Amino acid sequence: MKLPRDINGARLAHALRRLGYEVTRQTGSHMRVTTQRNGEHHKVIPNANPIRVGTLHSILKSVAAHHQMTVDQLLRELDL
């Protein structure tokens, strides 16, 4: 599945709420999201519009690995 090219940081943070992530802090233009599902996991998301493709792929890869799924499965789960 192809990565979306037009997603911004706020939309990604909102989509990650489906997996239990919540914004725990924001410093400048970056948000830190945290989940307790499958153990604690933190990820920093830039509040950019749009998020660069390489940065988005890195974030999604880390989240997918934490939840033991592929990036394609994660994209379908998040409906991005």
Protein backbone atom coordinates (compact mmCIF):
# COMPACT_ATOMS: atom_id res chain seq x y z
CA MET A 1 0.00 0.00 0.00
CA LYS A 2 1.30 3.45 -0.89
CA LEU A 3 1.99 5.95 1.90
CA PRO A 4 -0.27 9.00 1.94
CA ARG A 5 1.46 12.18 0.79
CA ASP A 6 -0.89 14.74 2.31
CA ILE A 7 -1.12 13.79 6.00
CA ASN A 8 -0.24 16.34 8.67
CA GLY A 9 0.92 15.80 12.24
CA ALA A 10 -2.44 16.52 13.89
CA ARG A 11 -4.26 14.07 11.60
CA LEU A 12 -1.68 11.34 12.27
CA ALA A 13 -1.90 11.87 16.04
CA HIS A 14 -5.70 11.67 15.81
CA ALA A 15 -5.53 8.45 13.72
CA LEU A 16 -3.13 6.84 16.20
CA ARG A 17 -5.79 7.22 18.92
CA ARG A 18 -7.31 4.01 17.48
CA LEU A 19 -4.29 2.18 18.86
CA GLY A 20 -4.45 3.87 22.25
CA TYR A 21 -1.96 6.69 21.58
CA GLU A 22 -2.54 10.01 23.30
CA VAL A 23 -0.63 13.27 23.01
CA THR A 24 1.36 13.44 26.25
CA ARG A 25 3.25 16.65 25.55
CA GLN A 26 3.99 19.19 22.87
CA THR A 27 7.16 21.20 22.59
CA GLY A 28 7.29 23.71 19.78
CA SER A 29 6.33 21.99 16.56
CA HIS A 30 6.62 18.40 17.82
CA MET A 31 4.08 16.24 19.64
CA ARG A 32 4.92 13.22 21.76
CA VAL A 33 2.33 10.44 21.67
CA THR A 34 2.28 7.53 24.10
CA THR A 35 0.37 4.26 24.37
CA GLN A 36 0.20 1.63 27.08
CA ARG A 37 -1.05 -1.17 24.80
CA ASN A 38 1.46 -4.03 24.46
CA GLY A 39 3.72 -2.15 26.86
CA GLU A 40 4.63 1.51 26.88
CA HIS A 41 5.62 3.08 23.56
CA HIS A 42 6.46 6.73 22.78
CA LYS A 43 6.76 8.38 19.40
CA VAL A 44 7.50 11.99 18.43
CA ILE A 45 5.46 13.41 15.55
CA PRO A 46 6.32 16.70 13.82
CA ASN A 47 3.35 19.04 13.56
CA ALA A 48 4.16 19.70 9.90
CA ASN A 49 1.80 20.01 6.97
CA PRO A 50 2.46 17.62 5.29
CA ILE A 51 4.80 15.26 7.12
CA ARG A 52 7.71 14.30 4.86
CA VAL A 53 7.36 10.80 3.39
CA GLY A 54 10.56 9.42 4.94
CA THR A 55 9.61 10.75 8.38
CA LEU A 56 6.09 9.33 8.05
CA HIS A 57 7.45 5.93 7.02
CA SER A 58 9.82 5.86 9.99
CA ILE A 59 7.00 6.70 12.44
CA LEU A 60 4.63 4.12 10.95
CA LYS A 61 7.35 1.44 10.88
CA SER A 62 8.08 1.95 14.58
CA VAL A 63 4.38 1.91 15.54
CA ALA A 64 3.74 -1.18 13.39
CA ALA A 65 6.67 -3.03 14.95
CA HIS A 66 5.42 -2.21 18.45
CA HIS A 67 1.97 -3.60 17.63
CA GLN A 68 3.44 -6.61 15.77
CA MET A 69 1.96 -5.82 12.36
CA THR A 70 3.19 -4.68 8.98
CA VAL A 71 3.05 -1.08 7.78
CA ASP A 72 0.33 -2.07 5.27
CA GLN A 73 -1.79 -3.59 8.05
CA LEU A 74 -1.25 -0.45 10.13
CA LEU A 75 -2.33 1.82 7.29
CA ARG A 76 -5.54 -0.19 6.87
CA GLU A 77 -6.16 -0.13 10.64
CA LEU A 78 -5.69 3.65 10.79
CA ASP A 79 -7.66 4.23 7.58
CA LEU A 80 -5.07 6.63 6.17
